Protein backbone atom coordinates (compact mmCIF):
# COMPACT_ATOMS: atom_id res chain seq x y z
CA MET A 1 0.00 0.00 0.00
CA ASN A 2 1.53 3.27 -1.09
CA ASN A 3 0.24 6.27 0.88
CA SER A 4 1.44 9.49 -0.59
CA TYR A 5 0.53 12.46 1.56
CA LYS A 6 0.55 15.70 -0.39
CA THR A 7 -0.98 18.09 2.14
CA VAL A 8 -0.70 18.61 5.89
CA GLU A 9 -4.40 17.83 6.28
CA GLU A 10 -3.85 14.32 4.86
CA LEU A 11 -1.18 13.37 7.40
CA PRO A 12 -2.20 10.86 10.09
CA VAL A 13 -2.06 11.82 13.78
CA MET A 14 1.14 9.78 14.28
CA LEU A 15 3.90 9.76 11.67
CA ASN A 16 6.65 7.23 11.05
CA ALA A 17 9.88 7.31 9.04
CA LYS A 18 8.22 6.25 5.77
CA ILE A 19 5.54 8.93 6.02
CA LEU A 20 8.18 11.58 6.74
CA LYS A 21 10.31 10.35 3.83
CA ASP A 22 7.39 10.50 1.40
CA PHE A 23 5.99 13.80 2.68
CA MET A 24 9.30 15.63 2.86
CA GLY A 25 10.79 14.04 -0.26
CA ILE A 26 14.04 13.07 1.48
CA SER A 27 16.11 9.89 1.64
CA ASN A 28 15.87 7.18 4.32
CA GLY A 29 19.24 8.24 5.67
CA MET A 30 18.16 11.85 6.00
CA VAL A 31 14.94 10.80 7.77
CA TYR A 32 16.82 8.77 10.37
CA GLU A 33 19.35 11.55 10.85
CA LEU A 34 16.44 13.91 11.48
CA LEU A 35 14.81 11.45 13.90
CA ARG A 36 18.05 11.37 15.93
CA SER A 37 18.60 15.12 15.89
CA GLU A 38 18.25 17.19 19.03
CA GLY A 39 15.00 19.11 19.15
CA PHE A 40 13.11 16.92 16.68
CA PRO A 41 9.91 15.59 18.32
CA THR A 42 10.61 11.84 18.14
CA LEU A 43 8.82 9.42 20.46
CA HIS A 44 10.67 6.18 21.08
CA VAL A 45 8.22 3.31 21.62
CA ASN A 46 10.29 0.16 22.03
CA LYS A 47 12.22 0.06 18.73
CA ARG A 48 9.73 2.24 16.85
CA LYS A 49 10.24 5.93 16.24
CA LEU A 50 7.00 7.91 16.02
CA ILE A 51 6.33 11.59 15.54
CA PRO A 52 3.10 13.28 16.62
CA ARG A 53 1.80 15.23 13.60
CA ASP A 54 1.09 18.42 15.58
CA ALA A 55 4.57 18.40 17.16
CA PHE A 56 6.10 17.85 13.69
CA LEU A 57 4.15 20.82 12.30
CA ARG A 58 5.25 23.04 15.21
CA TRP A 59 8.84 21.91 14.58
CA MET A 60 8.46 22.82 10.89
CA ASP A 61 7.10 26.26 11.81
CA ALA A 62 10.01 26.85 14.18
CA ASN A 63 12.68 25.63 11.75
CA THR A 64 11.79 27.16 8.43
CA GLY A 65 12.39 30.63 7.12
CA ASN A 66 9.57 30.29 4.60
CA LYS A 67 6.56 29.95 6.88
CA PRO A 68 3.17 30.03 5.21
CA GLN A 69 1.02 32.88 6.43
CA GLY A 70 -0.46 31.75 9.73
CA GLY A 71 1.87 28.74 10.00
CA TYR A 72 0.84 25.12 9.57
CA LEU A 73 -1.36 24.97 12.66
């Protein structure tokens, strides 16, 4: 099953590495580097790495110079 999320509204409540890779258009290596980076909202559940959508969107707002008017949230 290939889910390709094109808009913020389509993203599920909890994101994983594949969703981030597809949504951001970055490589697997870059996704996992991001998941390990300080300040990125990664939840570690056993061996899984999950990202709450709203925390991801706040992180995007805080870390981009090209914010859409009104931000993502």
